[in-house]
Amino acid sequence: MLLSVVEQQSGVKDSAELRRQAGAWLRARRCELGLSQRELAKRVNMDYYTFVSQIEAGRGRVPADRLQDWAEALEMNSREFAIKLMQYYDPFTYALVFGKFE
């Protein structure tokens, strides 16, 4: 079924808001650990800490192939980390697999 333009635009806004929420969650976790953006970037082997800033602002997302690195850097279980981000980055799949958004 094709989505109307209005539904597509609404989805884009919802996606942007969910990315901002994910970024806020990531920022809170980083701050709990007392890490700067620069320190987190080093832990995930990134050259630029500004990428961390973009993700925390909701203008990007943690790349799927780097979830393990980020989980380790944020001292979290990788499965729990991936599931938490799925709530924000792919809420439809999350709902199909796990039920409602928590």
PDB file of N, CA and C in Angstrom:
ATOM      1  N   MET A   1       0.840  -1.173   0.000  1.00  0.00           N
ATOM      2  CA  MET A   1       0.000   0.000   0.000  1.00  0.00           C
ATOM      3  C   MET A   1       0.887   1.240   0.000  1.00  0.00           C
ATOM      4  N   LEU A   2       0.595   2.185  -0.873  1.00  0.00           N
ATOM      5  CA  LEU A   2       1.380   3.407  -0.957  1.00  0.00           C
ATOM      6  C   LEU A   2       0.901   4.418   0.065  1.00  0.00           C
ATOM      7  N   LEU A   3       1.835   5.125   0.638  1.00  0.00           N
ATOM      8  CA  LEU A   3       1.498   6.164   1.594  1.00  0.00           C
ATOM      9  C   LEU A   3       1.228   7.467   0.869  1.00  0.00           C
ATOM     10  N   SER A   4       0.287   8.225   1.385  1.00  0.00           N
ATOM     11  CA  SER A   4       0.034   9.545   0.818  1.00  0.00           C
ATOM     12  C   SER A   4       1.205  10.451   1.156  1.00  0.00           C
ATOM     13  N   VAL A   5       1.280  11.564   0.449  1.00  0.00           N
ATOM     14  CA  VAL A   5       2.358  12.536   0.701  1.00  0.00           C
ATOM     15  C   VAL A   5       2.286  13.028   2.137  1.00  0.00           C
ATOM     16  N   VAL A   6       1.093  13.274   2.637  1.00  0.00           N
ATOM     17  CA  VAL A   6       0.931  13.760   4.009  1.00  0.00           C
ATOM     18  C   VAL A   6       1.435  12.709   4.998  1.00  0.00           C
ATOM     19  N   GLU A   7       1.090  11.424   4.778  1.00  0.00           N
ATOM     20  CA  GLU A   7       1.563  10.356   5.657  1.00  0.00           C
ATOM     21  C   GLU A   7       3.073  10.227   5.588  1.00  0.00           C
ATOM     22  N   GLN A   8       3.653  10.380   4.395  1.00  0.00           N
ATOM     23  CA  GLN A   8       5.101  10.295   4.248  1.00  0.00           C
ATOM     24  C   GLN A   8       5.775  11.431   4.993  1.00  0.00           C
ATOM     25  N   GLN A   9       5.241  12.648   4.850  1.00  0.00           N
ATOM     26  CA  GLN A   9       5.842  13.792   5.537  1.00  0.00           C
ATOM     27  C   GLN A   9       5.717  13.642   7.042  1.00  0.00           C
ATOM     28  N   SER A  10       4.573  13.129   7.508  1.00  0.00           N
ATOM     29  CA  SER A  10       4.383  12.893   8.934  1.00  0.00           C
ATOM     30  C   SER A  10       5.403  11.885   9.431  1.00  0.00           C
ATOM     31  N   GLY A  11       5.649  10.836   8.634  1.00  0.00           N
ATOM     32  CA  GLY A  11       6.633   9.830   9.007  1.00  0.00           C
ATOM     33  C   GLY A  11       8.022  10.412   9.104  1.00  0.00           C
ATOM     34  N   VAL A  12       8.348  11.344   8.197  1.00  0.00           N
ATOM     35  CA  VAL A  12       9.656  11.998   8.227  1.00  0.00           C
ATOM     36  C   VAL A  12       9.802  12.800   9.512  1.00  0.00           C
ATOM     37  N   LYS A  13       8.745  13.534   9.881  1.00  0.00           N
ATOM     38  CA  LYS A  13       8.801  14.311  11.119  1.00  0.00           C
ATOM     39  C   LYS A  13       8.926  13.383  12.315  1.00  0.00           C
ATOM     40  N   ASP A  14       8.158  12.282  12.317  1.00  0.00           N
ATOM     41  CA  ASP A  14       8.243  11.335  13.411  1.00  0.00           C
ATOM     42  C   ASP A  14       9.641  10.730  13.483  1.00  0.00           C
ATOM     43  N   SER A  15      10.218  10.407  12.334  1.00  0.00           N
ATOM     44  CA  SER A  15      11.570   9.839  12.297  1.00  0.00           C
ATOM     45  C   SER A  15      12.582  10.816  12.861  1.00  0.00           C
ATOM     46  N   ALA A  16      12.452  12.081  12.489  1.00  0.00           N
ATOM     47  CA  ALA A  16      13.374  13.098  12.984  1.00  0.00           C
ATOM     48  C   ALA A  16      13.251  13.236  14.495  1.00  0.00           C
ATOM     49  N   GLU A  17      12.039  13.209  14.996  1.00  0.00           N
ATOM     50  CA  GLU A  17      11.832  13.317  16.441  1.00  0.00           C
ATOM     51  C   GLU A  17      12.397  12.089  17.154  1.00  0.00           C
ATOM     52  N   LEU A  18      12.186  10.919  16.581  1.00  0.00           N
ATOM     53  CA  LEU A  18      12.740   9.708  17.190  1.00  0.00           C
ATOM     54  C   LEU A  18      14.267   9.720  17.188  1.00  0.00           C
ATOM     55  N   ARG A  19      14.877  10.243  16.120  1.00  0.00           N
ATOM     56  CA  ARG A  19      16.345  10.353  16.095  1.00  0.00           C
ATOM     57  C   ARG A  19      16.823  11.312  17.175  1.00  0.00           C
ATOM     58  N   ARG A  20      16.074  12.415  17.394  1.00  0.00           N
ATOM     59  CA  ARG A  20      16.444  13.352  18.463  1.00  0.00           C
ATOM     60  C   ARG A  20      16.349  12.667  19.829  1.00  0.00           C
ATOM     61  N   GLN A  21      15.302  11.860  20.025  1.00  0.00           N
ATOM     62  CA  GLN A  21      15.149  11.142  21.284  1.00  0.00           C
ATOM     63  C   GLN A  21      16.279  10.129  21.475  1.00  0.00           C
ATOM     64  N   ALA A  22      16.640   9.451  20.402  1.00  0.00           N
ATOM     65  CA  ALA A  22      17.761   8.505  20.474  1.00  0.00           C
ATOM     66  C   ALA A  22      19.039   9.254  20.841  1.00  0.00           C
ATOM     67  N   GLY A  23      19.242  10.396  20.212  1.00  0.00           N
ATOM     68  CA  GLY A  23      20.425  11.207  20.507  1.00  0.00           C
ATOM     69  C   GLY A  23      20.467  11.649  21.960  1.00  0.00           C
ATOM     70  N   ALA A  24      19.316  12.027  22.497  1.00  0.00           N
ATOM     71  CA  ALA A  24      19.250  12.442  23.898  1.00  0.00           C
ATOM     72  C   ALA A  24      19.573  11.264  24.819  1.00  0.00           C
ATOM     73  N   TRP A  25      19.080  10.073  24.459  1.00  0.00           N
ATOM     74  CA  TRP A  25      19.368   8.877  25.248  1.00  0.00           C
ATOM     75  C   TRP A  25      20.874   8.566  25.202  1.00  0.00           C
ATOM     76  N   LEU A  26      21.466   8.638  24.012  1.00  0.00           N
ATOM     77  CA  LEU A  26      22.900   8.393  23.878  1.00  0.00           C
ATOM     78  C   LEU A  26      23.716   9.421  24.662  1.00  0.00           C
ATOM     79  N   ARG A  27      23.322  10.687  24.577  1.00  0.00           N
ATOM     80  CA  ARG A  27      24.022  11.753  25.306  1.00  0.00           C
ATOM     81  C   ARG A  27      23.950  11.496  26.803  1.00  0.00           C
ATOM     82  N   ALA A  28      22.773  11.117  27.290  1.00  0.00           N
ATOM     83  CA  ALA A  28      22.610  10.853  28.717  1.00  0.00           C
ATOM     84  C   ALA A  28      23.522   9.705  29.163  1.00  0.00           C
ATOM     85  N   ARG A  29      23.600   8.667  28.359  1.00  0.00           N
ATOM     86  CA  ARG A  29      24.463   7.530  28.708  1.00  0.00           C
ATOM     87  C   ARG A  29      25.933   7.950  28.720  1.00  0.00           C
ATOM     88  N   ARG A  30      26.327   8.733  27.708  1.00  0.00           N
ATOM     89  CA  ARG A  30      27.713   9.217  27.639  1.00  0.00           C
ATOM     90  C   ARG A  30      28.033  10.049  28.878  1.00  0.00           C
ATOM     91  N   CYS A  31      27.109  10.921  29.248  1.00  0.00           N
ATOM     92  CA  CYS A  31      27.332  11.789  30.409  1.00  0.00           C
ATOM     93  C   CYS A  31      27.359  10.991  31.710  1.00  0.00           C
ATOM     94  N   GLU A  32      26.524   9.940  31.812  1.00  0.00           N
ATOM     95  CA  GLU A  32      26.557   9.071  32.994  1.00  0.00           C
ATOM     96  C   GLU A  32      27.946   8.490  33.205  1.00  0.00           C
ATOM     97  N   LEU A  33      28.621   8.200  32.102  1.00  0.00           N
ATOM     98  CA  LEU A  33      29.966   7.628  32.171  1.00  0.00           C
ATOM     99  C   LEU A  33      31.049   8.696  32.324  1.00  0.00           C
ATOM    100  N   GLY A  34      30.654   9.960  32.259  1.00  0.00           N
ATOM    101  CA  GLY A  34      31.615  11.048  32.398  1.00  0.00           C
ATOM    102  C   GLY A  34      32.510  11.220  31.178  1.00  0.00           C
ATOM    103  N   LEU A  35      32.015  10.818  30.018  1.00  0.00           N
ATOM    104  CA  LEU A  35      32.808  10.910  28.785  1.00  0.00           C
ATOM    105  C   LEU A  35      32.480  12.179  28.015  1.00  0.00           C
ATOM    106  N   SER A  36      33.483  12.758  27.414  1.00  0.00           N
ATOM    107  CA  SER A  36      33.253  13.857  26.476  1.00  0.00           C
ATOM    108  C   SER A  36      32.929  13.246  25.110  1.00  0.00           C
ATOM    109  N   GLN A  37      32.432  14.065  24.211  1.00  0.00           N
ATOM    110  CA  GLN A  37      32.190  13.582  22.849  1.00  0.00           C
ATOM    111  C   GLN A  37      33.498  13.122  22.213  1.00  0.00           C
ATOM    112  N   ARG A  38      34.540  13.826  22.472  1.00  0.00           N
ATOM    113  CA  ARG A  38      35.851  13.468  21.928  1.00  0.00           C
ATOM    114  C   ARG A  38      36.312  12.101  22.449  1.00  0.00           C
ATOM    115  N   GLU A  39      36.107  11.862  23.746  1.00  0.00           N
ATOM    116  CA  GLU A  39      36.495  10.577  24.334  1.00  0.00           C
ATOM    117  C   GLU A  39      35.656   9.430  23.756  1.00  0.00           C
ATOM    118  N   LEU A  40      34.362   9.678  23.574  1.00  0.00           N
ATOM    119  CA  LEU A  40      33.513   8.647  22.979  1.00  0.00           C
ATOM    120  C   LEU A  40      33.948   8.358  21.548  1.00  0.00           C
ATOM    121  N   ALA A  41      34.261   9.402  20.807  1.00  0.00           N
ATOM    122  CA  ALA A  41      34.720   9.212  19.425  1.00  0.00           C
ATOM    123  C   ALA A  41      35.969   8.332  19.394  1.00  0.00           C
ATOM    124  N   LYS A  42      36.890   8.554  20.321  1.00  0.00           N
ATOM    125  CA  LYS A  42      38.095   7.712  20.387  1.00  0.00           C
ATOM    126  C   LYS A  42      37.728   6.267  20.697  1.00  0.00           C
ATOM    127  N   ARG A  43      36.796   6.075  21.617  1.00  0.00           N
ATOM    128  CA  ARG A  43      36.407   4.710  21.995  1.00  0.00           C
ATOM    129  C   ARG A  43      35.785   3.937  20.829  1.00  0.00           C
ATOM    130  N   VAL A  44      35.114   4.660  19.923  1.00  0.00           N
ATOM    131  CA  VAL A  44      34.479   3.977  18.783  1.00  0.00           C
ATOM    132  C   VAL A  44      35.325   4.099  17.517  1.00  0.00           C
ATOM    133  N   ASN A  45      36.584   4.511  17.712  1.00  0.00           N
ATOM    134  CA  ASN A  45      37.539   4.618  16.600  1.00  0.00           C
ATOM    135  C   ASN A  45      37.076   5.530  15.481  1.00  0.00           C
ATOM    136  N   MET A  46      36.583   6.697  15.859  1.00  0.00           N
ATOM    137  CA  MET A  46      36.168   7.698  14.884  1.00  0.00           C
ATOM    138  C   MET A  46      37.175   8.829  14.892  1.00  0.00           C
ATOM    139  N   ASP A  47      37.438   9.368  13.736  1.00  0.00           N
ATOM    140  CA  ASP A  47      38.393  10.462  13.629  1.00  0.00           C
ATOM    141  C   ASP A  47      37.812  11.795  14.098  1.00  0.00           C
ATOM    142  N   TYR A  48      36.501  11.941  13.976  1.00  0.00           N
ATOM    143  CA  TYR A  48      35.881  13.240  14.245  1.00  0.00           C
ATOM    144  C   TYR A  48      34.816  13.122  15.326  1.00  0.00           C
ATOM    145  N   TYR A  49      35.004  13.863  16.404  1.00  0.00           N
ATOM    146  CA  TYR A  49      34.013  13.852  17.470  1.00  0.00           C
ATOM    147  C   TYR A  49      32.733  14.538  17.042  1.00  0.00           C
ATOM    148  N   THR A  50      32.794  15.345  15.977  1.00  0.00           N
ATOM    149  CA  THR A  50      31.603  16.038  15.502  1.00  0.00           C
ATOM    150  C   THR A  50      30.537  15.056  15.026  1.00  0.00           C
ATOM    151  N   PHE A  51      30.953  13.846  14.631  1.00  0.00           N
ATOM    152  CA  PHE A  51      29.970  12.831  14.251  1.00  0.00           C
ATOM    153  C   PHE A  51      29.140  12.431  15.465  1.00  0.00           C
ATOM    154  N   VAL A  52      29.768  12.343  16.620  1.00  0.00           N
ATOM    155  CA  VAL A  52      29.049  12.051  17.868  1.00  0.00           C
ATOM    156  C   VAL A  52      28.044  13.172  18.129  1.00  0.00           C
ATOM    157  N   SER A  53      28.471  14.402  17.948  1.00  0.00           N
ATOM    158  CA  SER A  53      27.599  15.557  18.142  1.00  0.00           C
ATOM    159  C   SER A  53      26.383  15.490  17.217  1.00  0.00           C
ATOM    160  N   GLN A  54      26.608  15.134  15.974  1.00  0.00           N
ATOM    161  CA  GLN A  54      25.505  15.032  15.012  1.00  0.00           C
ATOM    162  C   GLN A  54      24.516  13.950  15.423  1.00  0.00           C
ATOM    163  N   ILE A  55      25.015  12.822  15.864  1.00  0.00           N
ATOM    164  CA  ILE A  55      24.136  11.733  16.291  1.00  0.00           C
ATOM    165  C   ILE A  55      23.339  12.156  17.524  1.00  0.00           C
ATOM    166  N   GLU A  56      24.005  12.794  18.473  1.00  0.00           N
ATOM    167  CA  GLU A  56      23.317  13.223  19.688  1.00  0.00           C
ATOM    168  C   GLU A  56      22.271  14.299  19.401  1.00  0.00           C
ATOM    169  N   ALA A  57      22.467  15.071  18.352  1.00  0.00           N
ATOM    170  CA  ALA A  57      21.504  16.107  17.972  1.00  0.00           C
ATOM    171  C   ALA A  57      20.369  15.546  17.117  1.00  0.00           C
ATOM    172  N   GLY A  58      20.453  14.275  16.762  1.00  0.00           N
ATOM    173  CA  GLY A  58      19.413  13.666  15.953  1.00  0.00           C
ATOM    174  C   GLY A  58      19.574  13.884  14.465  1.00  0.00           C
ATOM    175  N   ARG A  59      20.742  14.352  14.052  1.00  0.00           N
ATOM    176  CA  ARG A  59      20.989  14.589  12.620  1.00  0.00           C
ATOM    177  C   ARG A  59      21.688  13.405  11.960  1.00  0.00           C
ATOM    178  N   GLY A  60      21.814  12.329  12.684  1.00  0.00           N
ATOM    179  CA  GLY A  60      22.429  11.116  12.162  1.00  0.00           C
ATOM    180  C   GLY A  60      22.066   9.971  13.074  1.00  0.00           C
ATOM    181  N   ARG A  61      22.551   8.802  12.726  1.00  0.00           N
ATOM    182  CA  ARG A  61      22.296   7.641  13.551  1.00  0.00           C
ATOM    183  C   ARG A  61      23.534   6.768  13.630  1.00  0.00           C
ATOM    184  N   VAL A  62      23.594   5.971  14.659  1.00  0.00           N
ATOM    185  CA  VAL A  62      24.715   5.052  14.807  1.00  0.00           C
ATOM    186  C   VAL A  62      24.626   4.046  13.659  1.00  0.00           C
ATOM    187  N   PRO A  63      25.677   3.931  12.864  1.00  0.00           N
ATOM    188  CA  PRO A  63      25.649   2.969  11.758  1.00  0.00           C
ATOM    189  C   PRO A  63      25.481   1.535  12.286  1.00  0.00           C
ATOM    190  N   ALA A  64      24.662   0.760  11.598  1.00  0.00           N
ATOM    191  CA  ALA A  64      24.363  -0.605  12.043  1.00  0.00           C
ATOM    192  C   ALA A  64      25.624  -1.442  12.216  1.00  0.00           C
ATOM    193  N   ASP A  65      26.594  -1.240  11.333  1.00  0.00           N
ATOM    194  CA  ASP A  65      27.818  -2.046  11.427  1.00  0.00           C
ATOM    195  C   ASP A  65      28.736  -1.586  12.560  1.00  0.00           C
ATOM    196  N   ARG A  66      28.344  -0.533  13.273  1.00  0.00           N
ATOM    197  CA  ARG A  66      29.158  -0.026  14.393  1.00  0.00           C
ATOM    198  C   ARG A  66      28.455  -0.155  15.742  1.00  0.00           C
ATOM    199  N   LEU A  67      27.277  -0.785  15.765  1.00  0.00           N
ATOM    200  CA  LEU A  67      26.530  -0.901  17.017  1.00  0.00           C
ATOM    201  C   LEU A  67      27.346  -1.574  18.124  1.00  0.00           C
ATOM    202  N   GLN A  68      28.073  -2.614  17.773  1.00  0.00           N
ATOM    203  CA  GLN A  68      28.899  -3.335  18.758  1.00  0.00           C
ATOM    204  C   GLN A  68      29.946  -2.395  19.366  1.00  0.00           C
ATOM    205  N   ASP A  69      30.609  -1.616  18.522  1.00  0.00           N
ATOM    206  CA  ASP A  69      31.627  -0.674  18.998  1.00  0.00           C
ATOM    207  C   ASP A  69      31.029   0.347  19.965  1.00  0.00           C
ATOM    208  N   TRP A  70      29.880   0.879  19.586  1.00  0.00           N
ATOM    209  CA  TRP A  70      29.219   1.881  20.423  1.00  0.00           C
ATOM    210  C   TRP A  70      28.761   1.272  21.742  1.00  0.00           C
ATOM    211  N   ALA A  71      28.213   0.066  21.684  1.00  0.00           N
ATOM    212  CA  ALA A  71      27.768  -0.592  22.914  1.00  0.00           C
ATOM    213  C   ALA A  71      28.944  -0.773  23.874  1.00  0.00           C
ATOM    214  N   GLU A  72      30.057  -1.257  23.350  1.00  0.00           N
ATOM    215  CA  GLU A  72      31.238  -1.442  24.194  1.00  0.00           C
ATOM    216  C   GLU A  72      31.742  -0.110  24.738  1.00  0.00           C
ATOM    217  N   ALA A  73      31.761   0.901  23.889  1.00  0.00           N
ATOM    218  CA  ALA A  73      32.242   2.223  24.309  1.00  0.00           C
ATOM    219  C   ALA A  73      31.363   2.807  25.410  1.00  0.00           C
ATOM    220  N   LEU A  74      30.066   2.513  25.346  1.00  0.00           N
ATOM    221  CA  LEU A  74      29.128   3.033  26.342  1.00  0.00           C
ATOM    222  C   LEU A  74      28.869   2.028  27.472  1.00  0.00           C
ATOM    223  N   GLU A  75      29.718   0.973  27.492  1.00  0.00           N
ATOM    224  CA  GLU A  75      29.703  -0.025  28.559  1.00  0.00           C
ATOM    225  C   GLU A  75      28.317  -0.637  28.759  1.00  0.00           C
ATOM    226  N   MET A  76      27.744  -1.073  27.624  1.00  0.00           N
ATOM    227  CA  MET A  76      26.418  -1.683  27.637  1.00  0.00           C
ATOM    228  C   MET A  76      26.462  -3.047  26.966  1.00  0.00           C
ATOM    229  N   ASN A  77      25.513  -3.880  27.298  1.00  0.00           N
ATOM    230  CA  ASN A  77      25.323  -5.139  26.607  1.00  0.00           C
ATOM    231  C   ASN A  77      24.942  -4.814  25.166  1.00  0.00           C
ATOM    232  N   SER A  78      25.622  -5.422  24.204  1.00  0.00           N
ATOM    233  CA  SER A  78      25.404  -5.069  22.803  1.00  0.00           C
ATOM    234  C   SER A  78      23.990  -5.381  22.329  1.00  0.00           C
ATOM    235  N   ARG A  79      23.419  -6.474  22.781  1.00  0.00           N
ATOM    236  CA  ARG A  79      22.057  -6.814  22.371  1.00  0.00           C
ATOM    237  C   ARG A  79      21.065  -5.785  22.913  1.00  0.00           C
ATOM    238  N   GLU A  80      21.182  -5.446  24.180  1.00  0.00           N
ATOM    239  CA  GLU A  80      20.287  -4.452  24.782  1.00  0.00           C
ATOM    240  C   GLU A  80      20.448  -3.098  24.103  1.00  0.00           C
ATOM    241  N   PHE A  81      21.680  -2.743  23.777  1.00  0.00           N
ATOM    242  CA  PHE A  81      21.954  -1.481  23.099  1.00  0.00           C
ATOM    243  C   PHE A  81      21.271  -1.453  21.733  1.00  0.00           C
ATOM    244  N   ALA A  82      21.432  -2.523  20.968  1.00  0.00           N
ATOM    245  CA  ALA A  82      20.839  -2.594  19.634  1.00  0.00           C
ATOM    246  C   ALA A  82      19.315  -2.550  19.701  1.00  0.00           C
ATOM    247  N   ILE A  83      18.749  -3.255  20.664  1.00  0.00           N
ATOM    248  CA  ILE A  83      17.294  -3.251  20.812  1.00  0.00           C
ATOM    249  C   ILE A  83      16.800  -1.858  21.173  1.00  0.00           C
ATOM    250  N   LYS A  84      17.488  -1.191  22.079  1.00  0.00           N
ATOM    251  CA  LYS A  84      17.084   0.166  22.482  1.00  0.00           C
ATOM    252  C   LYS A  84      17.110   1.108  21.287  1.00  0.00           C
ATOM    253  N   LEU A  85      18.186   1.067  20.493  1.00  0.00           N
ATOM    254  CA  LEU A  85      18.253   1.951  19.336  1.00  0.00           C
ATOM    255  C   LEU A  85      17.224   1.584  18.276  1.00  0.00           C
ATOM    256  N   MET A  86      16.885   0.302  18.173  1.00  0.00           N
ATOM    257  CA  MET A  86      15.860  -0.107  17.213  1.00  0.00           C
ATOM    258  C   MET A  86      14.525   0.566  17.532  1.00  0.00           C
ATOM    259  N   GLN A  87      14.247   0.784  18.817  1.00  0.00           N
ATOM    260  CA  GLN A  87      13.017   1.479  19.199  1.00  0.00           C
ATOM    261  C   GLN A  87      12.928   2.838  18.508  1.00  0.00           C
ATOM    262  N   TYR A  88      14.048   3.506  18.401  1.00  0.00           N
ATOM    263  CA  TYR A  88      14.087   4.842  17.816  1.00  0.00           C
ATOM    264  C   TYR A  88      14.293   4.825  16.302  1.00  0.00           C
ATOM    265  N   TYR A  89      15.208   3.993  15.844  1.00  0.00           N
ATOM    266  CA  TYR A  89      15.598   4.011  14.439  1.00  0.00           C
ATOM    267  C   TYR A  89      14.665   3.215  13.534  1.00  0.00           C
ATOM    268  N   ASP A  90      14.027   2.202  14.078  1.00  0.00           N
ATOM    269  CA  ASP A  90      13.149   1.353  13.268  1.00  0.00           C
ATOM    270  C   ASP A  90      11.969   0.883  14.117  1.00  0.00           C
ATOM    271  N   PRO A  91      11.104   1.828  14.514  1.00  0.00           N
ATOM    272  CA  PRO A  91      10.027   1.485  15.439  1.00  0.00           C
ATOM    273  C   PRO A  91       9.026   0.472  14.886  1.00  0.00           C
ATOM    274  N   PHE A  92       8.852   0.420  13.583  1.00  0.00           N
ATOM    275  CA  PHE A  92       7.914  -0.536  13.010  1.00  0.00           C
ATOM    276  C   PHE A  92       8.422  -1.969  13.178  1.00  0.00           C
ATOM    277  N   THR A  93       9.696  -2.186  12.881  1.00  0.00           N
ATOM    278  CA  THR A  93      10.273  -3.511  13.073  1.00  0.00           C
ATOM    279  C   THR A  93      10.294  -3.860  14.557  1.00  0.00           C
ATOM    280  N   TYR A  94      10.639  -2.892  15.391  1.00  0.00           N
ATOM    281  CA  TYR A  94      10.650  -3.120  16.830  1.00  0.00           C
ATOM    282  C   TYR A  94       9.279  -3.599  17.299  1.00  0.00           C
ATOM    283  N   ALA A  95       8.223  -2.925  16.846  1.00  0.00           N
ATOM    284  CA  ALA A  95       6.864  -3.286  17.258  1.00  0.00           C
ATOM    285  C   ALA A  95       6.499  -4.687  16.773  1.00  0.00           C
ATOM    286  N   LEU A  96       6.914  -5.047  15.577  1.00  0.00           N
ATOM    287  CA  LEU A  96       6.628  -6.391  15.072  1.00  0.00           C
ATOM    288  C   LEU A  96       7.329  -7.468  15.892  1.00  0.00           C
ATOM    289  N   VAL A  97       8.554  -7.179  16.305  1.00  0.00           N
ATOM    290  CA  VAL A  97       9.357  -8.182  17.004  1.00  0.00           C
ATOM    291  C   VAL A  97       9.067  -8.203  18.498  1.00  0.00           C
ATOM    292  N   PHE A  98       8.965  -7.028  19.108  1.00  0.00           N
ATOM    293  CA  PHE A  98       8.894  -6.950  20.562  1.00  0.00           C
ATOM    294  C   PHE A  98       7.567  -6.442  21.111  1.00  0.00           C
ATOM    295  N   GLY A  99       6.691  -5.946  20.272  1.00  0.00           N
ATOM    296  CA  GLY A  99       5.447  -5.363  20.756  1.00  0.00           C
ATOM    297  C   GLY A  99       5.562  -3.863  20.822  1.00  0.00           C
ATOM    298  N   LYS A 100       4.811  -3.258  21.728  1.00  0.00           N
ATOM    299  CA  LYS A 100       4.746  -1.797  21.768  1.00  0.00           C
ATOM    300  C   LYS A 100       6.076  -1.151  22.138  1.00  0.00           C
ATOM    301  N   PHE A 101       6.197   0.127  21.774  1.00  0.00           N
ATOM    302  CA  PHE A 101       7.360   0.956  22.090  1.00  0.00           C
ATOM    303  C   PHE A 101       7.369   1.195  23.594  1.00  0.00           C
ATOM    304  N   GLU A 102       8.521   1.016  24.225  1.00  0.00           N
ATOM    305  CA  GLU A 102       8.639   1.222  25.680  1.00  0.00           C
ATOM    306  C   GLU A 102       9.112   2.600  26.000  1.00  0.00           C
TER     307      GLU A 102
END
